[in-house]
PDB file of N, CA and C in Angstrom:
ATOM      1  N   MET A   1       0.809  -1.199   0.000  1.00  0.00           N
ATOM      2  CA  MET A   1       0.000   0.000   0.000  1.00  0.00           C
ATOM      3  C   MET A   1       0.856   1.270   0.000  1.00  0.00           C
ATOM      4  N   HIS A   2       2.148   1.153   0.313  1.00  0.00           N
ATOM      5  CA  HIS A   2       2.985   2.349   0.389  1.00  0.00           C
ATOM      6  C   HIS A   2       3.265   2.966  -0.982  1.00  0.00           C
ATOM      7  N   GLN A   3       2.921   2.260  -2.062  1.00  0.00           N
ATOM      8  CA  GLN A   3       3.147   2.796  -3.400  1.00  0.00           C
ATOM      9  C   GLN A   3       1.932   3.555  -3.940  1.00  0.00           C
ATOM     10  N   PHE A   4       0.838   3.544  -3.218  1.00  0.00           N
ATOM     11  CA  PHE A   4      -0.343   4.302  -3.606  1.00  0.00           C
ATOM     12  C   PHE A   4      -0.283   5.686  -2.967  1.00  0.00           C
ATOM     13  N   VAL A   5      -0.478   6.717  -3.770  1.00  0.00           N
ATOM     14  CA  VAL A   5      -0.394   8.092  -3.288  1.00  0.00           C
ATOM     15  C   VAL A   5      -1.714   8.799  -3.587  1.00  0.00           C
ATOM     16  N   PRO A   6      -2.463   9.202  -2.548  1.00  0.00           N
ATOM     17  CA  PRO A   6      -3.673   9.989  -2.812  1.00  0.00           C
ATOM     18  C   PRO A   6      -3.271  11.399  -3.214  1.00  0.00           C
ATOM     19  N   LEU A   7      -4.066  12.002  -4.084  1.00  0.00           N
ATOM     20  CA  LEU A   7      -3.742  13.350  -4.517  1.00  0.00           C
ATOM     21  C   LEU A   7      -5.014  14.150  -4.747  1.00  0.00           C
ATOM     22  N   ILE A   8      -4.863  15.458  -4.669  1.00  0.00           N
ATOM     23  CA  ILE A   8      -5.961  16.357  -4.999  1.00  0.00           C
ATOM     24  C   ILE A   8      -5.340  17.643  -5.542  1.00  0.00           C
ATOM     25  N   GLU A   9      -5.892  18.109  -6.640  1.00  0.00           N
ATOM     26  CA  GLU A   9      -5.418  19.334  -7.289  1.00  0.00           C
ATOM     27  C   GLU A   9      -6.574  20.324  -7.358  1.00  0.00           C
ATOM     28  N   PHE A  10      -6.242  21.591  -7.262  1.00  0.00           N
ATOM     29  CA  PHE A  10      -7.206  22.663  -7.436  1.00  0.00           C
ATOM     30  C   PHE A  10      -6.673  23.628  -8.490  1.00  0.00           C
ATOM     31  N   PRO A  11      -6.804  23.296  -9.783  1.00  0.00           N
ATOM     32  CA  PRO A  11      -6.327  24.217 -10.818  1.00  0.00           C
ATOM     33  C   PRO A  11      -7.307  25.368 -11.047  1.00  0.00           C
ATOM     34  N   PHE A  12      -6.768  26.582 -11.075  1.00  0.00           N
ATOM     35  CA  PHE A  12      -7.529  27.781 -11.372  1.00  0.00           C
ATOM     36  C   PHE A  12      -6.837  28.483 -12.526  1.00  0.00           C
ATOM     37  N   ASP A  13      -7.570  28.833 -13.556  1.00  0.00           N
ATOM     38  CA  ASP A  13      -7.037  29.544 -14.711  1.00  0.00           C
ATOM     39  C   ASP A  13      -7.922  30.735 -15.021  1.00  0.00           C
ATOM     40  N   MET A  14      -7.286  31.799 -15.480  1.00  0.00           N
ATOM     41  CA  MET A  14      -8.030  32.959 -15.949  1.00  0.00           C
ATOM     42  C   MET A  14      -7.615  33.213 -17.391  1.00  0.00           C
ATOM     43  N   PRO A  15      -8.290  32.548 -18.348  1.00  0.00           N
ATOM     44  CA  PRO A  15      -7.934  32.724 -19.751  1.00  0.00           C
ATOM     45  C   PRO A  15      -8.297  34.118 -20.237  1.00  0.00           C
ATOM     46  N   PHE A  16      -7.585  34.552 -21.251  1.00  0.00           N
ATOM     47  CA  PHE A  16      -7.908  35.835 -21.854  1.00  0.00           C
ATOM     48  C   PHE A  16      -7.990  35.653 -23.357  1.00  0.00           C
ATOM     49  N   GLY A  17      -8.638  36.552 -24.000  1.00  0.00           N
ATOM     50  CA  GLY A  17      -8.854  36.464 -25.433  1.00  0.00           C
ATOM     51  C   GLY A  17     -10.334  36.530 -25.731  1.00  0.00           C
ATOM     52  N   SER A  18     -10.651  36.363 -26.995  1.00  0.00           N
ATOM     53  CA  SER A  18     -12.054  36.468 -27.395  1.00  0.00           C
ATOM     54  C   SER A  18     -12.859  35.297 -26.827  1.00  0.00           C
ATOM     55  N   GLY A  19     -13.999  35.603 -26.265  1.00  0.00           N
ATOM     56  CA  GLY A  19     -14.904  34.583 -25.762  1.00  0.00           C
ATOM     57  C   GLY A  19     -14.692  34.197 -24.315  1.00  0.00           C
ATOM     58  N   SER A  20     -13.596  34.590 -23.684  1.00  0.00           N
ATOM     59  CA  SER A  20     -13.352  34.155 -22.308  1.00  0.00           C
ATOM     60  C   SER A  20     -13.943  35.120 -21.284  1.00  0.00           C
ATOM     61  N   ASN A  21     -14.069  36.399 -21.634  1.00  0.00           N
ATOM     62  CA  ASN A  21     -14.618  37.428 -20.745  1.00  0.00           C
ATOM     63  C   ASN A  21     -13.868  37.534 -19.426  1.00  0.00           C
ATOM     64  N   GLY A  22     -12.664  37.008 -19.331  1.00  0.00           N
ATOM     65  CA  GLY A  22     -11.851  37.127 -18.132  1.00  0.00           C
ATOM     66  C   GLY A  22     -12.369  36.367 -16.934  1.00  0.00           C
ATOM     67  N   ARG A  23     -13.200  35.387 -17.136  1.00  0.00           N
ATOM     68  CA  ARG A  23     -13.762  34.620 -16.021  1.00  0.00           C
ATOM     69  C   ARG A  23     -12.835  33.462 -15.649  1.00  0.00           C
ATOM     70  N   THR A  24     -12.720  33.231 -14.367  1.00  0.00           N
ATOM     71  CA  THR A  24     -11.848  32.173 -13.859  1.00  0.00           C
ATOM     72  C   THR A  24     -12.486  30.807 -14.079  1.00  0.00           C
ATOM     73  N   VAL A  25     -11.671  29.862 -14.532  1.00  0.00           N
ATOM     74  CA  VAL A  25     -12.084  28.472 -14.717  1.00  0.00           C
ATOM     75  C   VAL A  25     -11.454  27.681 -13.569  1.00  0.00           C
ATOM     76  N   ALA A  26     -12.279  26.972 -12.786  1.00  0.00           N
ATOM     77  CA  ALA A  26     -11.767  26.272 -11.604  1.00  0.00           C
ATOM     78  C   ALA A  26     -12.339  24.862 -11.525  1.00  0.00           C
ATOM     79  N   SER A  27     -11.496  23.921 -11.110  1.00  0.00           N
ATOM     80  CA  SER A  27     -11.953  22.553 -10.894  1.00  0.00           C
ATOM     81  C   SER A  27     -11.218  21.947  -9.707  1.00  0.00           C
ATOM     82  N   MET A  28     -11.781  20.867  -9.184  1.00  0.00           N
ATOM     83  CA  MET A  28     -11.170  20.093  -8.113  1.00  0.00           C
ATOM     84  C   MET A  28     -10.916  18.702  -8.689  1.00  0.00           C
ATOM     85  N   ASN A  29      -9.676  18.201  -8.548  1.00  0.00           N
ATOM     86  CA  ASN A  29      -9.305  16.935  -9.171  1.00  0.00           C
ATOM     87  C   ASN A  29      -8.779  15.952  -8.129  1.00  0.00           C
ATOM     88  N   PRO A  30      -9.658  15.183  -7.466  1.00  0.00           N
ATOM     89  CA  PRO A  30      -9.179  14.160  -6.539  1.00  0.00           C
ATOM     90  C   PRO A  30      -8.785  12.904  -7.311  1.00  0.00           C
ATOM     91  N   GLY A  31      -7.760  12.216  -6.832  1.00  0.00           N
ATOM     92  CA  GLY A  31      -7.331  11.014  -7.543  1.00  0.00           C
ATOM     93  C   GLY A  31      -6.405  10.144  -6.726  1.00  0.00           C
ATOM     94  N   LEU A  32      -5.842   9.161  -7.410  1.00  0.00           N
ATOM     95  CA  LEU A  32      -4.951   8.189  -6.794  1.00  0.00           C
ATOM     96  C   LEU A  32      -3.852   7.853  -7.785  1.00  0.00           C
ATOM     97  N   SER A  33      -2.636   7.720  -7.286  1.00  0.00           N
ATOM     98  CA  SER A  33      -1.491   7.413  -8.133  1.00  0.00           C
ATOM     99  C   SER A  33      -0.773   6.185  -7.581  1.00  0.00           C
ATOM    100  N   TYR A  34      -0.358   5.294  -8.460  1.00  0.00           N
ATOM    101  CA  TYR A  34       0.454   4.136  -8.090  1.00  0.00           C
ATOM    102  C   TYR A  34       1.853   4.364  -8.655  1.00  0.00           C
ATOM    103  N   VAL A  35       2.848   4.357  -7.795  1.00  0.00           N
ATOM    104  CA  VAL A  35       4.217   4.637  -8.208  1.00  0.00           C
ATOM    105  C   VAL A  35       5.055   3.368  -8.075  1.00  0.00           C
ATOM    106  N   ALA A  36       5.546   2.858  -9.206  1.00  0.00           N
ATOM    107  CA  ALA A  36       6.431   1.691  -9.223  1.00  0.00           C
ATOM    108  C   ALA A  36       7.868   2.183  -9.431  1.00  0.00           C
ATOM    109  N   ASP A  37       8.807   1.272  -9.611  1.00  0.00           N
ATOM    110  CA  ASP A  37      10.208   1.656  -9.780  1.00  0.00           C
ATOM    111  C   ASP A  37      10.470   2.361 -11.107  1.00  0.00           C
ATOM    112  N   THR A  38       9.840   1.918 -12.180  1.00  0.00           N
ATOM    113  CA  THR A  38      10.141   2.464 -13.504  1.00  0.00           C
ATOM    114  C   THR A  38       8.937   3.106 -14.192  1.00  0.00           C
ATOM    115  N   TRP A  39       7.782   3.146 -13.533  1.00  0.00           N
ATOM    116  CA  TRP A  39       6.591   3.725 -14.138  1.00  0.00           C
ATOM    117  C   TRP A  39       5.629   4.204 -13.056  1.00  0.00           C
ATOM    118  N   GLN A  40       4.620   4.970 -13.492  1.00  0.00           N
ATOM    119  CA  GLN A  40       3.601   5.503 -12.595  1.00  0.00           C
ATOM    120  C   GLN A  40       2.265   5.490 -13.320  1.00  0.00           C
ATOM    121  N   LEU A  41       1.214   5.127 -12.626  1.00  0.00           N
ATOM    122  CA  LEU A  41      -0.142   5.112 -13.164  1.00  0.00           C
ATOM    123  C   LEU A  41      -1.007   5.983 -12.263  1.00  0.00           C
ATOM    124  N   ALA A  42      -1.724   6.933 -12.853  1.00  0.00           N
ATOM    125  CA  ALA A  42      -2.548   7.850 -12.065  1.00  0.00           C
ATOM    126  C   ALA A  42      -3.913   8.015 -12.722  1.00  0.00           C
ATOM    127  N   ALA A  43      -4.911   8.235 -11.886  1.00  0.00           N
ATOM    128  CA  ALA A  43      -6.267   8.522 -12.363  1.00  0.00           C
ATOM    129  C   ALA A  43      -6.885   9.544 -11.420  1.00  0.00           C
ATOM    130  N   GLU A  44      -7.633  10.476 -12.006  1.00  0.00           N
ATOM    131  CA  GLU A  44      -8.277  11.485 -11.180  1.00  0.00           C
ATOM    132  C   GLU A  44      -9.586  11.927 -11.818  1.00  0.00           C
ATOM    133  N   ALA A  45     -10.514  12.319 -10.971  1.00  0.00           N
ATOM    134  CA  ALA A  45     -11.779  12.873 -11.430  1.00  0.00           C
ATOM    135  C   ALA A  45     -11.591  14.374 -11.633  1.00  0.00           C
ATOM    136  N   ILE A  46     -12.335  14.949 -12.561  1.00  0.00           N
ATOM    137  CA  ILE A  46     -12.301  16.392 -12.803  1.00  0.00           C
ATOM    138  C   ILE A  46     -13.688  16.928 -12.459  1.00  0.00           C
ATOM    139  N   VAL A  47     -13.776  17.589 -11.314  1.00  0.00           N
ATOM    140  CA  VAL A  47     -15.053  18.091 -10.810  1.00  0.00           C
ATOM    141  C   VAL A  47     -15.091  19.602 -11.002  1.00  0.00           C
ATOM    142  N   PRO A  48     -16.000  20.118 -11.831  1.00  0.00           N
ATOM    143  CA  PRO A  48     -16.073  21.565 -12.044  1.00  0.00           C
ATOM    144  C   PRO A  48     -16.504  22.290 -10.767  1.00  0.00           C
ATOM    145  N   LEU A  49     -15.884  23.441 -10.511  1.00  0.00           N
ATOM    146  CA  LEU A  49     -16.245  24.231  -9.334  1.00  0.00           C
ATOM    147  C   LEU A  49     -17.073  25.466  -9.681  1.00  0.00           C
ATOM    148  N   ASN A  50     -17.167  25.812 -10.960  1.00  0.00           N
ATOM    149  CA  ASN A  50     -18.005  26.941 -11.361  1.00  0.00           C
ATOM    150  C   ASN A  50     -18.593  26.674 -12.744  1.00  0.00           C
ATOM    151  N   ARG A  51     -19.491  27.539 -13.153  1.00  0.00           N
ATOM    152  CA  ARG A  51     -20.219  27.351 -14.403  1.00  0.00           C
ATOM    153  C   ARG A  51     -19.307  27.421 -15.630  1.00  0.00           C
ATOM    154  N   GLU A  52     -18.259  28.253 -15.558  1.00  0.00           N
ATOM    155  CA  GLU A  52     -17.354  28.414 -16.690  1.00  0.00           C
ATOM    156  C   GLU A  52     -16.560  27.136 -16.979  1.00  0.00           C
ATOM    157  N   THR A  53     -16.390  26.310 -15.990  1.00  0.00           N
ATOM    158  CA  THR A  53     -15.620  25.065 -16.152  1.00  0.00           C
ATOM    159  C   THR A  53     -16.441  23.987 -16.843  1.00  0.00           C
ATOM    160  N   GLY A  54     -17.739  24.004 -16.677  1.00  0.00           N
ATOM    161  CA  GLY A  54     -18.606  23.000 -17.279  1.00  0.00           C
ATOM    162  C   GLY A  54     -19.577  22.457 -16.267  1.00  0.00           C
ATOM    163  N   ARG A  55     -20.334  21.459 -16.685  1.00  0.00           N
ATOM    164  CA  ARG A  55     -21.368  20.916 -15.794  1.00  0.00           C
ATOM    165  C   ARG A  55     -21.118  19.465 -15.409  1.00  0.00           C
ATOM    166  N   GLY A  56     -20.451  18.701 -16.251  1.00  0.00           N
ATOM    167  CA  GLY A  56     -20.276  17.286 -15.967  1.00  0.00           C
ATOM    168  C   GLY A  56     -18.930  16.973 -15.327  1.00  0.00           C
ATOM    169  N   VAL A  57     -18.880  15.841 -14.647  1.00  0.00           N
ATOM    170  CA  VAL A  57     -17.642  15.353 -14.043  1.00  0.00           C
ATOM    171  C   VAL A  57     -16.895  14.534 -15.084  1.00  0.00           C
ATOM    172  N   GLY A  58     -15.597  14.764 -15.192  1.00  0.00           N
ATOM    173  CA  GLY A  58     -14.770  14.026 -16.146  1.00  0.00           C
ATOM    174  C   GLY A  58     -13.737  13.182 -15.429  1.00  0.00           C
ATOM    175  N   ILE A  59     -12.908  12.499 -16.197  1.00  0.00           N
ATOM    176  CA  ILE A  59     -11.849  11.676 -15.633  1.00  0.00           C
ATOM    177  C   ILE A  59     -10.600  11.835 -16.477  1.00  0.00           C
ATOM    178  N   ARG A  60      -9.455  11.769 -15.824  1.00  0.00           N
ATOM    179  CA  ARG A  60      -8.163  11.841 -16.502  1.00  0.00           C
ATOM    180  C   ARG A  60      -7.320  10.684 -15.989  1.00  0.00           C
ATOM    181  N   ALA A  61      -6.650  10.006 -16.908  1.00  0.00           N
ATOM    182  CA  ALA A  61      -5.735   8.920 -16.544  1.00  0.00           C
ATOM    183  C   ALA A  61      -4.423   9.132 -17.281  1.00  0.00           C
ATOM    184  N   GLN A  62      -3.326   8.730 -16.657  1.00  0.00           N
ATOM    185  CA  GLN A  62      -2.029   8.876 -17.309  1.00  0.00           C
ATOM    186  C   GLN A  62      -1.087   7.770 -16.870  1.00  0.00           C
ATOM    187  N   VAL A  63      -0.188   7.442 -17.766  1.00  0.00           N
ATOM    188  CA  VAL A  63       0.883   6.487 -17.491  1.00  0.00           C
ATOM    189  C   VAL A  63       2.191   7.216 -17.779  1.00  0.00           C
ATOM    190  N   LEU A  64       3.095   7.198 -16.813  1.00  0.00           N
ATOM    191  CA  LEU A  64       4.399   7.832 -16.965  1.00  0.00           C
ATOM    192  C   LEU A  64       5.485   6.762 -16.888  1.00  0.00           C
ATOM    193  N   PHE A  65       6.466   6.857 -17.763  1.00  0.00           N
ATOM    194  CA  PHE A  65       7.607   5.956 -17.740  1.00  0.00           C
ATOM    195  C   PHE A  65       8.849   6.758 -17.364  1.00  0.00           C
ATOM    196  N   PHE A  66       9.608   6.284 -16.404  1.00  0.00           N
ATOM    197  CA  PHE A  66      10.823   6.962 -15.958  1.00  0.00           C
ATOM    198  C   PHE A  66      11.979   6.453 -16.804  1.00  0.00           C
ATOM    199  N   LEU A  67      12.292   7.197 -17.860  1.00  0.00           N
ATOM    200  CA  LEU A  67      13.291   6.752 -18.824  1.00  0.00           C
ATOM    201  C   LEU A  67      14.674   6.597 -18.202  1.00  0.00           C
ATOM    202  N   ASP A  68      15.021   7.426 -17.225  1.00  0.00           N
ATOM    203  CA  ASP A  68      16.335   7.303 -16.607  1.00  0.00           C
ATOM    204  C   ASP A  68      16.484   6.006 -15.811  1.00  0.00           C
ATOM    205  N   ASP A  69      15.369   5.404 -15.395  1.00  0.00           N
ATOM    206  CA  ASP A  69      15.414   4.103 -14.726  1.00  0.00           C
ATOM    207  C   ASP A  69      15.267   2.945 -15.710  1.00  0.00           C
ATOM    208  N   LEU A  70      14.551   3.171 -16.808  1.00  0.00           N
ATOM    209  CA  LEU A  70      14.382   2.116 -17.814  1.00  0.00           C
ATOM    210  C   LEU A  70      15.649   1.907 -18.647  1.00  0.00           C
ATOM    211  N   VAL A  71      16.321   3.003 -18.993  1.00  0.00           N
ATOM    212  CA  VAL A  71      17.512   2.949 -19.842  1.00  0.00           C
ATOM    213  C   VAL A  71      18.613   3.802 -19.195  1.00  0.00           C
ATOM    214  N   PRO A  72      19.204   3.343 -18.092  1.00  0.00           N
ATOM    215  CA  PRO A  72      20.181   4.171 -17.372  1.00  0.00           C
ATOM    216  C   PRO A  72      21.420   4.569 -18.182  1.00  0.00           C
ATOM    217  N   PRO A  73      21.921   3.767 -19.126  1.00  0.00           N
ATOM    218  CA  PRO A  73      23.120   4.201 -19.846  1.00  0.00           C
ATOM    219  C   PRO A  73      22.936   5.467 -20.693  1.00  0.00           C
ATOM    220  N   LEU A  74      21.695   5.812 -21.028  1.00  0.00           N
ATOM    221  CA  LEU A  74      21.449   7.010 -21.832  1.00  0.00           C
ATOM    222  C   LEU A  74      21.506   8.290 -21.005  1.00  0.00           C
ATOM    223  N   PHE A  75      21.413   8.168 -19.683  1.00  0.00           N
ATOM    224  CA  PHE A  75      21.327   9.341 -18.822  1.00  0.00           C
ATOM    225  C   PHE A  75      22.484   9.345 -17.830  1.00  0.00           C
ATOM    226  N   GLY A  76      22.751  10.499 -17.256  1.00  0.00           N
ATOM    227  CA  GLY A  76      23.825  10.622 -16.277  1.00  0.00           C
ATOM    228  C   GLY A  76      25.175  10.880 -16.895  1.00  0.00           C
ATOM    229  N   GLN A  77      25.206  11.125 -18.187  1.00  0.00           N
ATOM    230  CA  GLN A  77      26.442  11.424 -18.909  1.00  0.00           C
ATOM    231  C   GLN A  77      26.363  12.858 -19.418  1.00  0.00           C
ATOM    232  N   PRO A  78      27.498  13.550 -19.516  1.00  0.00           N
ATOM    233  CA  PRO A  78      27.461  14.895 -20.102  1.00  0.00           C
ATOM    234  C   PRO A  78      27.069  14.847 -21.588  1.00  0.00           C
ATOM    235  N   LEU A  79      26.296  15.833 -22.012  1.00  0.00           N
ATOM    236  CA  LEU A  79      25.910  15.900 -23.419  1.00  0.00           C
ATOM    237  C   LEU A  79      27.119  16.263 -24.293  1.00  0.00           C
ATOM    238  N   LEU A  80      27.936  17.170 -23.820  1.00  0.00           N
ATOM    239  CA  LEU A  80      29.128  17.587 -24.552  1.00  0.00           C
ATOM    240  C   LEU A  80      30.355  17.343 -23.674  1.00  0.00           C
ATOM    241  N   SER A  81      31.370  16.751 -24.219  1.00  0.00           N
ATOM    242  CA  SER A  81      32.593  16.531 -23.445  1.00  0.00           C
ATOM    243  C   SER A  81      33.749  17.236 -24.128  1.00  0.00           C
ATOM    244  N   HIS A  82      34.778  17.534 -23.361  1.00  0.00           N
ATOM    245  CA  HIS A  82      35.938  18.271 -23.902  1.00  0.00           C
ATOM    246  C   HIS A  82      36.819  17.398 -24.729  1.00  0.00           C
TER     247      HIS A  82
END
């Protein structure tokens, strides 16, 4: 169970340009992440906090691969040497 990480995000954006009217877009994103040695899997709900964000609840999922752990010889070396 120590590899499961609960998370919650509160992203707030104030877009500008035509059609945005300068209104803040806000959501609450509770989720859970599983962190392994060479990869990470995360899922979170996207809950709108105001009308500008939308009306329905969404979901986001992602898989991350840690390339420096998967292929260590490619990393940890200087890009340019003398």
